[in-house]
Amino acid sequence: MSSDTNTHSNLVYVYDLEEAWIEARLISQSGVNAKVEVVDEHSNEKQICDVSLKDYPDQVLPLQNVDENGKVIDVEDMVDLPFLHEAGILFNLKRRHAQGLPYTRTGDICIAVNPYVWMNHLYSEGTRNEYARHYVYSKQASAGDNDPLVPHVYETSSLSFRGLALDTVNQSILVSGESGAGKTETVKILMRHLASLAGFSGGAVGEGESSEVVKKVLDSNPLLEAFGNAKTSRNDNSSRFGKYIQLQFQNSTSSPLQIDCKLEGSYCDTYLLEKSRVVGHTYGERTYHIFYQLLNAPEQYKASLWSGLKDKTIEDFKYVGATDTNIIEGVSDADRWHKTIDSLVEVGIEGEILHDLMRSICIVLQLGNLTFGQDPENEDNSVITSTVELEGLAELTGISVDFLSSSLTIRTVKARTEVYKVPLNQVAAKDGCDALAKEIYNKVFDWLVTAINKATTCAKSNSRIGLLDIFGKFICKRFRLIKSFPLNLCIFKGFESFEVNRFEQLCINYANEKLQQKFTSDIFRTVQVGSSFPWNIFNFSRNRHHSYVIFIFHY
């Protein structure tokens, strides 16, 4: 049966190995076989291809979304797409992205495509005020049909703030996306906007971002990035830990015309820090930013911190090593060092405490320079062969050379009332040294988070807004919570697979899969089952069986 080429029903999408989907024109169809014409977008050459409809849902090629003239359309809210399928969604996002429009709605969900450039006009004070006036102070504040404002993540933050201030219901914002999708940056945009809303008077931003409390809350982000973020193959500033944040507000709003809801503090929980990155990283990646910042600090400061750090560069420490990247998001490691110090001082870490914190980082660096060899007297034992490096570590820690040497080459085993000394071979001793470095850094990171919380937490707040960040399609969605629940922000690294995946990565990915399973259940399955609207139940990807396989192996 031939298609009518005079209508637009022959404009379809077909699978492509490189592009996922490409536009095509259906020429003819016979049973489960079809012929389509595709145009190479680079060379503009036309090509006739044979397609098996067995590879497509219901053995039907998905139709393009076109107007009456056959021109492909794009929409701000994808519920308005005539044909809502994977290809239609992706092409709509692609067309908007090409126009410099990173945000698209799907109902009350905001989908973002990372442009990898900062667009000043999207995040100006005027733009923030515009969304605040419309979504917070307007009597008909909601996202959806006939919305006069283009899709923006500010919709999510504005509606959350309105729900908190006027409805007195704690809110939660979910930010989800794969590694490199822009989750960390989106969370910062949301937090900054929420801070400005807290000082908004209905006409212009007030003192929301300038207060001392807000400054501490916002300055905690660079600190967590310095100690918890690293350059990966996909993202120069990738969060390598999970983060759960509560933004704490004092809500005294009496009427819609007199909103009084101020940001008073924040609380942060972290987990699943990627400790393995402390002792090694793949080619083209980096370890945590703080190591590069410290080694690019002024020489006078480095010498005052530890004599062994004077005139040393990243190449002098094996855990760090050479890199071709010393600028992250337009700022050099040397400049970021000063910003990190300022942020530390802002949360009360200064003087001797700051000195001890940085010496702890030096200890981690120095542990990586220790080398182990076979004991000449016993091939099953090991000795530390880098004498100078060992002496430097002893100076840093205040522990004697002999005690350090025996502790790193001999394992102490306790069995009931007896204690055994078990010598380690050079491989086991090196592994133990790396484990110690990872644990020290993990303890330092946990201590830093506790110090930040001490400086930013407000115990007397009565309302909370939060952000939840998990792996999945990159979306922003607002949730209304029961009043007794806090509003939280939780940030997860996306699911990742490396050339070498260790147990630590398995735990991280398993946690992300469980959260993705929860998200899928809440967003899709629950809505389908509970809705009274007459629609066809559609299938969506589930990962329950994969999570279950990992779970049963534990037992």
Protein backbone atom coordinates (compact mmCIF):
# COMPACT_ATOMS: atom_id res chain seq x y z
CA MET A 1 0.00 0.00 0.00
CA SER A 2 1.40 3.36 -1.02
CA SER A 3 1.26 6.46 1.16
CA ASP A 4 -0.36 9.64 -0.03
CA THR A 5 2.63 11.92 -0.57
CA ASN A 6 0.35 14.95 -0.88
CA THR A 7 -0.50 14.82 2.85
CA HIS A 8 1.76 15.30 5.84
CA SER A 9 1.06 11.86 7.32
CA ASN A 10 4.13 10.54 5.51
CA LEU A 11 6.52 12.69 7.56
CA VAL A 12 7.96 10.28 10.12
CA TYR A 13 10.94 9.47 12.31
CA VAL A 14 13.18 6.41 11.94
CA TYR A 15 15.82 4.87 14.18
CA ASP A 16 19.47 5.85 13.69
CA LEU A 17 22.48 4.35 15.43
CA GLU A 18 24.29 7.67 15.84
CA GLU A 19 21.46 10.20 16.21
CA ALA A 20 18.88 7.91 17.89
CA TRP A 21 16.15 9.35 15.63
CA ILE A 22 16.23 11.14 12.28
CA GLU A 23 13.53 12.77 10.20
CA ALA A 24 12.30 10.85 7.16
CA ARG A 25 9.54 10.75 4.55
CA LEU A 26 7.57 7.56 4.10
CA ILE A 27 7.54 6.58 0.41
CA SER A 28 5.77 3.25 0.51
CA GLN A 29 4.72 0.49 2.87
CA SER A 30 3.95 -3.17 2.32
CA GLY A 31 3.15 -5.28 5.36
CA VAL A 32 5.95 -4.86 7.89
CA ASN A 33 8.37 -3.40 5.35
CA ALA A 34 8.63 0.24 4.36
CA LYS A 35 10.76 2.51 2.22
CA VAL A 36 11.69 5.95 3.52
CA GLU A 37 13.63 8.91 2.22
CA VAL A 38 16.11 10.53 4.60
CA VAL A 39 18.17 13.66 4.07
CA ASP A 40 21.70 13.93 5.44
CA GLU A 41 21.70 17.11 7.56
CA HIS A 42 25.38 17.73 6.79
CA SER A 43 25.62 17.02 3.06
CA ASN A 44 21.91 17.57 2.31
CA GLU A 45 21.96 14.41 0.18
CA LYS A 46 18.82 12.30 -0.11
CA GLN A 47 18.91 8.56 0.44
CA ILE A 48 16.30 5.80 0.14
CA CYS A 49 16.33 3.26 2.98
CA ASP A 50 14.45 0.05 3.75
CA VAL A 51 12.88 -0.11 7.20
CA SER A 52 11.43 -3.08 9.10
CA LEU A 53 8.38 -2.03 11.07
CA LYS A 54 8.92 -4.97 13.42
CA ASP A 55 11.49 -2.79 15.19
CA TYR A 56 8.90 -0.13 16.08
CA PRO A 57 6.13 -0.06 18.71
CA ASP A 58 2.87 -1.40 17.23
CA GLN A 59 4.79 -1.72 13.93
CA VAL A 60 4.13 1.95 13.18
CA LEU A 61 6.63 4.71 12.39
CA PRO A 62 6.23 7.70 14.75
CA LEU A 63 4.81 10.76 12.98
CA GLN A 64 6.48 14.16 12.98
CA ASN A 65 4.80 17.11 14.67
CA VAL A 66 4.06 19.51 11.79
CA ASP A 67 1.61 22.31 11.07
CA GLU A 68 -0.87 22.48 8.18
CA ASN A 69 1.97 23.53 5.86
CA GLY A 70 4.13 20.54 6.75
CA LYS A 71 6.58 22.64 8.78
CA VAL A 72 7.95 21.02 11.92
CA ILE A 73 6.69 22.78 15.04
CA ASP A 74 8.12 23.16 18.52
CA VAL A 75 6.15 23.92 21.66
CA GLU A 76 6.93 25.35 25.10
CA ASP A 77 4.83 22.70 26.86
CA MET A 78 5.21 19.22 25.44
CA VAL A 79 1.73 18.18 26.52
CA ASP A 80 0.69 20.31 23.51
CA LEU A 81 2.57 18.09 21.03
CA PRO A 82 0.10 16.47 18.61
CA PHE A 83 2.13 13.25 18.72
CA LEU A 84 3.78 12.59 22.08
CA HIS A 85 6.47 9.94 21.68
CA GLU A 86 10.21 9.64 22.27
CA ALA A 87 11.24 11.00 18.89
CA GLY A 88 8.82 13.92 19.12
CA ILE A 89 10.06 14.83 22.58
CA LEU A 90 13.73 14.69 21.60
CA PHE A 91 13.26 16.74 18.44
CA ASN A 92 11.23 19.35 20.29
CA LEU A 93 14.03 19.70 22.86
CA LYS A 94 16.63 19.77 20.10
CA ARG A 95 14.88 22.54 18.16
CA ARG A 96 14.44 24.68 21.26
CA HIS A 97 18.05 24.10 22.29
CA ALA A 98 19.20 25.27 18.84
CA GLN A 99 17.23 28.50 19.40
CA GLY A 100 19.00 29.16 22.71
CA LEU A 101 16.02 27.98 24.76
CA PRO A 102 17.31 25.42 27.30
CA TYR A 103 14.06 25.05 29.25
CA THR A 104 10.86 23.26 28.19
CA ARG A 105 7.72 22.39 30.16
CA THR A 106 5.93 19.10 30.51
CA GLY A 107 3.00 20.12 32.65
CA ASP A 108 4.52 21.28 35.93
CA ILE A 109 7.84 19.59 35.13
CA CYS A 110 10.68 21.73 33.78
CA ILE A 111 13.05 19.92 31.42
CA ALA A 112 16.48 21.48 30.88
CA VAL A 113 19.06 20.76 28.19
CA ASN A 114 22.52 21.88 29.29
CA PRO A 115 23.77 24.61 26.90
CA TYR A 116 27.29 24.47 28.44
CA VAL A 117 27.45 28.26 28.28
CA TRP A 118 26.20 30.87 30.72
CA MET A 119 23.31 32.94 29.33
CA ASN A 120 23.28 36.20 31.25
CA HIS A 121 19.85 37.30 30.06
CA LEU A 122 18.24 34.16 31.47
CA TYR A 123 19.44 34.78 35.01
CA SER A 124 19.47 38.57 35.30
CA GLU A 125 17.84 40.40 38.20
CA GLY A 126 15.09 41.56 35.88
CA THR A 127 14.28 37.98 34.87
CA ARG A 128 14.16 36.86 38.49
CA ASN A 129 11.84 39.74 39.37
CA GLU A 130 9.56 38.93 36.45
CA TYR A 131 9.04 35.32 37.50
CA ALA A 132 8.65 36.32 41.14
CA ARG A 133 5.92 38.84 40.31
CA HIS A 134 4.03 36.40 38.11
CA TYR A 135 4.30 33.17 40.10
CA VAL A 136 4.54 34.40 43.69
CA TYR A 137 2.45 37.57 43.81
CA SER A 138 -0.04 36.93 41.02
CA LYS A 139 -3.49 35.71 42.10
CA GLN A 140 -3.43 33.09 39.33
CA ALA A 141 0.05 31.73 39.88
CA SER A 142 0.52 28.40 38.15
CA ALA A 143 2.48 26.83 35.33
CA GLY A 144 0.56 25.51 32.38
CA ASP A 145 -1.73 26.55 29.56
CA ASN A 146 -1.55 30.10 28.19
CA ASP A 147 1.38 30.93 30.44
CA PRO A 148 2.76 34.33 29.38
CA LEU A 149 6.31 33.52 30.52
CA VAL A 150 8.62 31.14 28.72
CA PRO A 151 9.58 27.93 30.57
CA HIS A 152 12.28 28.50 33.17
CA VAL A 153 13.61 26.82 36.28
CA TYR A 154 12.56 29.98 38.08
CA GLU A 155 8.98 28.72 37.72
CA THR A 156 9.86 25.81 39.98
CA SER A 157 11.55 27.92 42.65
CA SER A 158 8.83 30.62 42.53
CA LEU A 159 5.94 28.17 42.87
CA SER A 160 7.75 26.35 45.68
CA PHE A 161 8.26 29.61 47.53
CA ARG A 162 4.62 30.56 47.03
CA GLY A 163 3.49 27.16 48.32
CA LEU A 164 5.67 27.62 51.37
CA ALA A 165 4.82 31.24 52.13
CA LEU A 166 1.10 31.36 51.27
CA ASP A 167 -0.06 27.76 51.59
CA THR A 168 2.25 27.09 54.57
CA VAL A 169 3.12 23.68 53.10
CA ASN A 170 6.75 22.54 53.13
CA GLN A 171 8.09 22.01 49.62
CA SER A 172 10.52 19.71 47.86
CA ILE A 173 12.24 20.22 44.51
CA LEU A 174 13.60 17.22 42.62
CA VAL A 175 16.53 17.80 40.27
CA SER A 176 17.43 14.75 38.22
CA GLY A 177 19.94 14.17 35.45
CA GLU A 178 22.83 12.08 34.25
CA SER A 179 26.44 13.08 34.89
CA GLY A 180 27.18 16.37 33.15
CA ALA A 181 23.51 17.29 32.70
CA GLY A 182 23.88 20.40 34.85
CA LYS A 183 22.37 19.31 38.17
CA THR A 184 24.89 21.12 40.37
CA GLU A 185 24.56 24.37 38.45
CA THR A 186 20.76 24.14 38.44
CA VAL A 187 20.71 23.64 42.21
CA LYS A 188 22.83 26.78 42.64
CA ILE A 189 20.44 28.73 40.37
CA LEU A 190 17.47 27.51 42.39
CA MET A 191 19.08 28.32 45.73
CA ARG A 192 20.08 31.81 44.64
CA HIS A 193 16.59 32.52 43.34
CA LEU A 194 14.96 31.25 46.54
CA ALA A 195 17.30 33.49 48.51
CA SER A 196 16.28 36.51 46.43
CA LEU A 197 12.59 35.64 46.83
CA ALA A 198 13.04 35.73 50.59
CA GLY A 199 13.81 39.46 50.26
CA PHE A 200 11.38 40.22 47.45
CA SER A 201 8.91 43.01 48.11
CA GLY A 202 6.66 42.40 45.12
CA GLY A 203 8.36 45.01 42.98
CA ALA A 204 12.06 44.27 43.21
CA VAL A 205 14.50 42.00 44.95
CA GLY A 206 15.09 43.17 48.48
CA GLU A 207 17.82 42.14 50.89
CA GLY A 208 17.38 38.44 50.21
CA GLU A 209 20.85 37.88 48.82
CA SER A 210 22.70 40.52 50.80
CA SER A 211 21.96 39.41 54.37
CA GLU A 212 24.69 37.75 56.41
CA VAL A 213 22.63 34.56 56.83
CA VAL A 214 21.99 34.18 53.12
CA LYS A 215 25.64 34.90 52.33
CA LYS A 216 26.71 32.04 54.58
CA VAL A 217 24.20 29.66 53.00
CA LEU A 218 25.25 30.53 49.46
CA ASP A 219 28.97 30.56 50.30
CA SER A 220 28.72 26.97 51.52
CA ASN A 221 28.31 25.82 47.91
CA PRO A 222 31.85 26.79 46.77
CA LEU A 223 33.25 25.02 49.83
CA LEU A 224 31.47 21.77 49.07
CA GLU A 225 32.55 22.06 45.45
CA ALA A 226 36.20 22.63 46.40
CA PHE A 227 36.34 19.54 48.62
CA GLY A 228 33.74 17.35 46.90
CA ASN A 229 33.87 18.14 43.17
CA ALA A 230 36.33 17.04 40.50
CA LYS A 231 36.90 17.13 36.78
CA THR A 232 35.61 14.03 34.96
CA SER A 233 35.59 13.11 31.30
CA ARG A 234 32.11 14.64 30.95
CA ASN A 235 32.08 17.51 33.43
CA ASP A 236 34.79 19.87 34.70
CA ASN A 237 32.95 20.45 37.98
CA SER A 238 31.25 17.15 38.76
CA SER A 239 29.89 16.48 42.25
CA ARG A 240 31.46 13.28 43.54
CA PHE A 241 29.17 12.87 46.55
CA GLY A 242 25.52 12.80 47.55
CA LYS A 243 24.03 15.88 49.15
CA TYR A 244 20.81 16.40 51.08
CA ILE A 245 20.00 20.03 51.88
CA GLN A 246 17.26 21.74 53.83
CA LEU A 247 16.72 25.46 53.27
CA GLN A 248 15.23 26.81 56.48
CA PHE A 249 12.77 29.71 56.46
CA GLN A 250 10.94 31.78 59.05
CA ASN A 251 7.44 32.26 57.67
CA SER A 252 5.36 35.07 59.17
CA THR A 253 3.16 35.72 56.15
CA SER A 254 -0.22 37.18 57.09
CA SER A 255 -1.76 37.72 53.66
CA PRO A 256 -0.95 37.34 49.94
CA LEU A 257 -0.25 41.07 49.84
CA GLN A 258 2.13 40.95 52.80
CA ILE A 259 4.49 38.00 52.27
CA ASP A 260 7.07 37.73 55.04
CA CYS A 261 9.12 34.57 54.58
CA LYS A 262 12.85 34.91 55.20
CA LEU A 263 15.67 32.46 54.63
CA GLU A 264 17.21 31.82 58.05
CA GLY A 265 19.63 28.97 57.42
CA SER A 266 20.34 25.59 55.88
CA TYR A 267 21.31 22.08 56.87
CA CYS A 268 23.31 19.65 54.72
CA ASP A 269 23.80 15.89 54.89
CA THR A 270 26.38 14.23 52.63
CA TYR A 271 27.05 10.61 51.78
CA LEU A 272 28.75 8.34 49.26
CA LEU A 273 31.83 10.50 48.77
CA GLU A 274 33.89 8.94 45.99
CA LYS A 275 36.92 8.14 48.16
CA SER A 276 38.70 6.18 45.44
CA ARG A 277 39.28 9.45 43.54
CA VAL A 278 41.56 10.61 46.37
CA VAL A 279 44.23 8.07 45.43
CA GLY A 280 43.74 7.77 41.67
CA HIS A 281 41.86 8.99 38.63
CA THR A 282 41.77 8.10 34.96
CA TYR A 283 43.61 9.97 32.22
CA GLY A 284 42.03 13.33 31.41
CA GLU A 285 40.32 13.59 34.81
CA ARG A 286 41.40 15.17 38.09
CA THR A 287 41.16 14.46 41.78
CA TYR A 288 39.33 16.89 44.07
CA HIS A 289 39.71 20.62 43.33
CA ILE A 290 41.13 21.47 46.76
CA PHE A 291 44.41 19.68 46.01
CA TYR A 292 45.04 21.81 42.91
CA GLN A 293 43.94 24.96 44.71
CA LEU A 294 46.33 24.33 47.60
CA LEU A 295 49.27 23.63 45.30
CA ASN A 296 48.52 26.86 43.42
CA ALA A 297 48.32 28.92 46.62
CA PRO A 298 50.91 31.69 47.23
CA GLU A 299 54.34 30.27 47.97
CA GLN A 300 54.59 32.21 51.22
CA TYR A 301 51.43 30.55 52.51
CA LYS A 302 52.56 27.08 51.39
CA ALA A 303 55.88 27.49 53.19
CA SER A 304 54.14 28.63 56.38
CA LEU A 305 51.85 25.62 56.21
CA TRP A 306 54.59 23.03 55.77
CA SER A 307 58.21 23.43 54.67
CA GLY A 308 57.88 20.41 52.39
CA LEU A 309 55.20 22.19 50.37
CA LYS A 310 57.42 25.10 49.36
CA ASP A 311 58.01 25.34 45.59
CA LYS A 312 56.06 22.11 45.03
CA THR A 313 53.65 21.71 42.10
CA ILE A 314 50.99 19.19 41.20
CA GLU A 315 53.57 17.02 39.41
CA ASP A 316 55.38 16.48 42.72
CA PHE A 317 52.49 14.51 44.24
CA LYS A 318 51.46 11.16 42.80
CA TYR A 319 47.84 11.36 43.92
CA VAL A 320 47.46 14.57 41.91
CA GLY A 321 49.81 14.36 38.92
CA ALA A 322 50.01 16.49 35.80
CA THR A 323 46.89 17.91 34.17
CA ASP A 324 46.13 20.07 31.16
CA THR A 325 43.29 21.77 33.03
CA ASN A 326 43.92 24.54 35.53
CA ILE A 327 40.83 26.61 34.82
CA ILE A 328 37.40 25.39 35.93
CA GLU A 329 34.35 27.31 34.69
CA GLY A 330 36.51 30.26 33.71
CA VAL A 331 38.34 30.58 37.04
CA SER A 332 41.90 29.39 37.65
CA ASP A 333 42.84 27.11 40.53
CA ALA A 334 44.92 29.95 42.03
CA ASP A 335 41.95 32.34 42.02
CA ARG A 336 39.62 29.67 43.36
CA TRP A 337 42.03 29.15 46.25
CA HIS A 338 41.37 32.68 47.49
CA LYS A 339 37.60 32.22 47.10
CA THR A 340 37.76 28.96 49.04
CA ILE A 341 39.67 30.63 51.89
CA ASP A 342 37.15 33.49 51.99
CA SER A 343 34.29 30.98 52.15
CA LEU A 344 36.00 29.05 54.94
CA VAL A 345 36.40 32.24 56.95
CA GLU A 346 32.73 33.07 56.30
CA VAL A 347 31.64 29.88 58.09
CA GLY A 348 34.07 30.39 60.95
CA ILE A 349 37.03 28.26 59.82
CA GLU A 350 40.12 30.43 60.27
CA GLY A 351 43.33 30.75 62.24
CA GLU A 352 44.69 27.53 63.76
CA ILE A 353 41.63 25.54 62.68
CA LEU A 354 42.20 26.52 59.06
CA HIS A 355 45.90 25.75 59.45
CA ASP A 356 45.16 22.23 60.75
CA LEU A 357 42.61 21.64 58.00
CA MET A 358 45.14 22.39 55.26
CA ARG A 359 47.85 20.35 56.96
CA SER A 360 45.44 17.41 56.88
CA ILE A 361 45.23 17.84 53.10
CA CYS A 362 49.05 17.87 53.02
CA ILE A 363 49.13 14.57 54.93
CA VAL A 364 46.91 12.98 52.30
CA LEU A 365 49.20 14.29 49.53
CA GLN A 366 52.31 13.00 51.29
CA LEU A 367 50.88 9.53 51.87
CA GLY A 368 50.64 9.18 48.10
CA ASN A 369 54.37 9.73 47.72
CA LEU A 370 55.38 6.83 49.97
CA THR A 371 56.84 3.86 48.13
CA PHE A 372 57.10 0.29 49.40
CA GLY A 373 59.58 -2.41 48.55
CA GLN A 374 60.39 -5.96 49.50
CA ASP A 375 62.20 -6.49 52.79
CA PRO A 376 65.73 -7.73 51.91
CA GLU A 377 65.62 -10.05 54.90
CA ASN A 378 62.17 -11.53 54.26
CA GLU A 379 60.41 -11.48 50.89
CA ASP A 380 56.99 -11.73 52.59
CA ASN A 381 57.59 -8.49 54.46
CA SER A 382 57.85 -4.92 53.20
CA VAL A 383 59.74 -1.73 53.98
CA ILE A 384 59.20 1.91 53.09
CA THR A 385 61.81 2.79 50.48
CA SER A 386 61.08 6.53 50.24
CA THR A 387 62.97 7.68 53.32
CA VAL A 388 62.78 11.40 52.60
CA GLU A 389 59.03 11.24 51.98
CA LEU A 390 58.55 9.27 55.21
CA GLU A 391 60.45 11.90 57.17
CA GLY A 392 58.23 14.59 55.64
CA LEU A 393 55.13 12.68 56.71
CA ALA A 394 56.53 12.32 60.23
CA GLU A 395 57.08 16.08 60.38
CA LEU A 396 53.49 16.72 59.23
CA THR A 397 51.83 14.30 61.62
CA GLY A 398 54.09 14.72 64.63
CA ILE A 399 54.56 10.95 64.74
CA SER A 400 57.98 9.32 64.84
CA VAL A 401 59.47 7.75 61.72
CA ASP A 402 59.77 4.34 63.38
CA PHE A 403 56.16 4.27 64.53
CA LEU A 404 54.88 5.35 61.10
CA SER A 405 57.02 2.76 59.36
CA SER A 406 55.84 -0.11 61.53
CA SER A 407 52.20 1.02 61.38
CA LEU A 408 52.20 1.08 57.57
CA THR A 409 54.03 -2.22 57.07
CA ILE A 410 52.65 -4.34 59.90
CA ARG A 411 49.02 -5.16 60.57
CA THR A 412 47.85 -5.56 64.16
CA VAL A 413 45.26 -8.31 64.70
CA LYS A 414 43.31 -8.72 67.92
CA ALA A 415 41.87 -12.14 68.77
CA ARG A 416 40.09 -12.29 72.10
CA THR A 417 42.75 -11.39 74.66
CA GLU A 418 45.75 -11.80 72.37
CA VAL A 419 47.32 -9.36 69.90
CA TYR A 420 49.22 -10.49 66.78
CA LYS A 421 51.57 -8.58 64.54
CA VAL A 422 51.20 -9.62 60.88
CA PRO A 423 53.81 -8.24 58.43
CA LEU A 424 52.44 -6.99 55.11
CA ASN A 425 53.97 -7.51 51.70
CA GLN A 426 54.64 -4.45 49.56
CA VAL A 427 51.31 -4.67 47.68
CA ALA A 428 49.24 -4.98 50.85
CA ALA A 429 51.23 -2.21 52.53
CA LYS A 430 50.60 0.15 49.61
CA ASP A 431 46.89 -0.71 49.64
CA GLY A 432 46.78 0.02 53.36
CA CYS A 433 48.52 3.35 52.83
CA ASP A 434 45.97 4.31 50.15
CA ALA A 435 43.11 3.23 52.43
CA LEU A 436 44.45 5.48 55.18
CA ALA A 437 44.65 8.44 52.80
CA LYS A 438 41.06 7.89 51.65
CA GLU A 439 39.77 7.62 55.19
CA ILE A 440 41.59 10.76 56.35
CA TYR A 441 40.12 12.74 53.44
CA ASN A 442 36.66 11.34 54.13
CA LYS A 443 36.91 12.38 57.79
CA VAL A 444 38.10 15.85 56.76
CA PHE A 445 35.13 16.17 54.39
CA ASP A 446 32.65 15.07 57.04
CA TRP A 447 34.19 17.50 59.54
CA LEU A 448 33.88 20.33 57.02
CA VAL A 449 30.19 19.59 56.45
CA THR A 450 29.60 19.61 60.21
CA ALA A 451 31.36 22.97 60.49
CA ILE A 452 29.25 24.41 57.67
CA ASN A 453 26.05 23.16 59.33
CA LYS A 454 27.10 24.70 62.63
CA ALA A 455 27.47 28.06 60.90
CA THR A 456 24.31 27.93 58.78
CA THR A 457 21.67 25.92 60.67
CA CYS A 458 18.75 27.74 62.26
CA ALA A 459 16.99 25.63 64.88
CA LYS A 460 14.07 28.05 65.26
CA SER A 461 12.91 28.03 61.61
CA ASN A 462 9.29 26.94 61.06
CA SER A 463 9.30 26.22 57.31
CA ARG A 464 11.62 24.42 54.94
CA ILE A 465 12.29 24.13 51.21
CA GLY A 466 14.57 21.53 49.75
CA LEU A 467 15.99 20.09 46.56
CA LEU A 468 16.36 16.44 45.67
CA ASP A 469 18.82 15.57 42.92
CA ILE A 470 18.94 12.03 41.50
CA PHE A 471 20.02 10.30 38.34
CA GLY A 472 17.52 10.07 35.50
CA LYS A 473 16.18 12.30 32.75
CA PHE A 474 17.09 15.91 33.59
CA ILE A 475 13.96 17.49 35.02
CA CYS A 476 12.85 19.84 37.73
CA LYS A 477 9.62 19.03 39.50
CA ARG A 478 8.00 20.58 42.55
CA PHE A 479 6.31 18.48 45.23
CA ARG A 480 3.94 19.46 48.01
CA LEU A 481 4.71 17.69 51.25
CA ILE A 482 2.78 16.99 54.42
CA LYS A 483 3.32 19.86 56.84
CA SER A 484 5.36 17.74 59.22
CA PHE A 485 7.84 16.92 56.47
CA PRO A 486 10.75 19.28 55.73
CA LEU A 487 11.51 20.66 52.30
CA ASN A 488 14.84 19.26 51.27
CA LEU A 489 17.54 19.34 48.66
CA CYS A 490 19.31 16.10 47.87
CA ILE A 491 22.00 15.84 45.21
CA PHE A 492 23.21 12.55 43.79
CA LYS A 493 25.87 11.78 41.28
CA GLY A 494 24.45 10.21 38.16
CA PHE A 495 24.83 6.52 37.34
CA GLU A 496 28.32 6.00 35.94
CA SER A 497 30.43 3.21 34.50
CA PHE A 498 34.21 3.44 34.31
CA GLU A 499 36.89 1.23 32.79
CA VAL A 500 37.45 -0.18 36.28
CA ASN A 501 34.35 -0.26 38.54
CA ARG A 502 35.00 -1.14 42.17
CA PHE A 503 32.66 -1.99 45.03
CA GLU A 504 32.38 1.69 45.94
CA GLN A 505 30.96 2.48 42.49
CA LEU A 506 28.54 -0.43 42.78
CA CYS A 507 27.16 1.04 46.02
CA ILE A 508 26.81 4.48 44.45
CA ASN A 509 25.05 3.15 41.37
CA TYR A 510 22.80 0.89 43.44
CA ALA A 511 21.66 3.85 45.56
CA ASN A 512 20.93 5.83 42.39
CA GLU A 513 18.98 2.95 40.86
CA LYS A 514 16.82 2.64 43.97
CA LEU A 515 16.10 6.36 43.90
CA GLN A 516 15.33 6.25 40.18
CA GLN A 517 12.96 3.36 40.92
CA LYS A 518 11.22 5.49 43.53
CA PHE A 519 11.00 8.44 41.16
CA THR A 520 9.55 6.30 38.34
CA SER A 521 6.96 4.86 40.69
CA ASP A 522 5.85 8.26 41.97
CA ILE A 523 5.79 10.10 38.66
CA PHE A 524 4.45 7.47 36.28
CA ARG A 525 2.90 4.40 37.90
CA THR A 526 1.08 6.20 40.71
CA VAL A 527 -0.32 8.84 38.37
CA GLN A 528 -1.51 6.21 35.89
CA VAL A 529 -3.25 4.09 38.50
CA GLY A 530 -4.77 6.97 40.45
CA SER A 531 -6.00 9.09 37.55
CA SER A 532 -9.70 9.08 36.59
CA PHE A 533 -8.87 10.56 33.19
CA PRO A 534 -9.59 8.08 30.36
CA TRP A 535 -6.20 7.26 28.85
CA ASN A 536 -4.25 4.28 27.67
CA ILE A 537 -1.73 2.96 30.18
CA PHE A 538 1.68 3.19 28.52
CA ASN A 539 4.82 1.24 29.30
CA PHE A 540 7.90 2.91 30.72
CA SER A 541 11.38 1.69 31.59
CA ARG A 542 11.68 0.02 35.00
CA ASN A 543 14.86 -0.98 36.79
CA ARG A 544 13.29 -2.96 39.64
CA HIS A 545 14.74 -6.30 38.49
CA HIS A 546 18.28 -4.89 38.21
CA SER A 547 18.09 -3.47 41.75
CA TYR A 548 16.63 -6.74 43.05
CA VAL A 549 19.51 -8.79 41.58
CA ILE A 550 22.05 -6.63 43.43
CA PHE A 551 19.93 -6.76 46.59
CA ILE A 552 19.68 -10.57 46.76
CA PHE A 553 23.43 -10.95 46.23
CA HIS A 554 23.84 -9.15 49.55
CA TYR A 555 22.15 -12.11 51.23
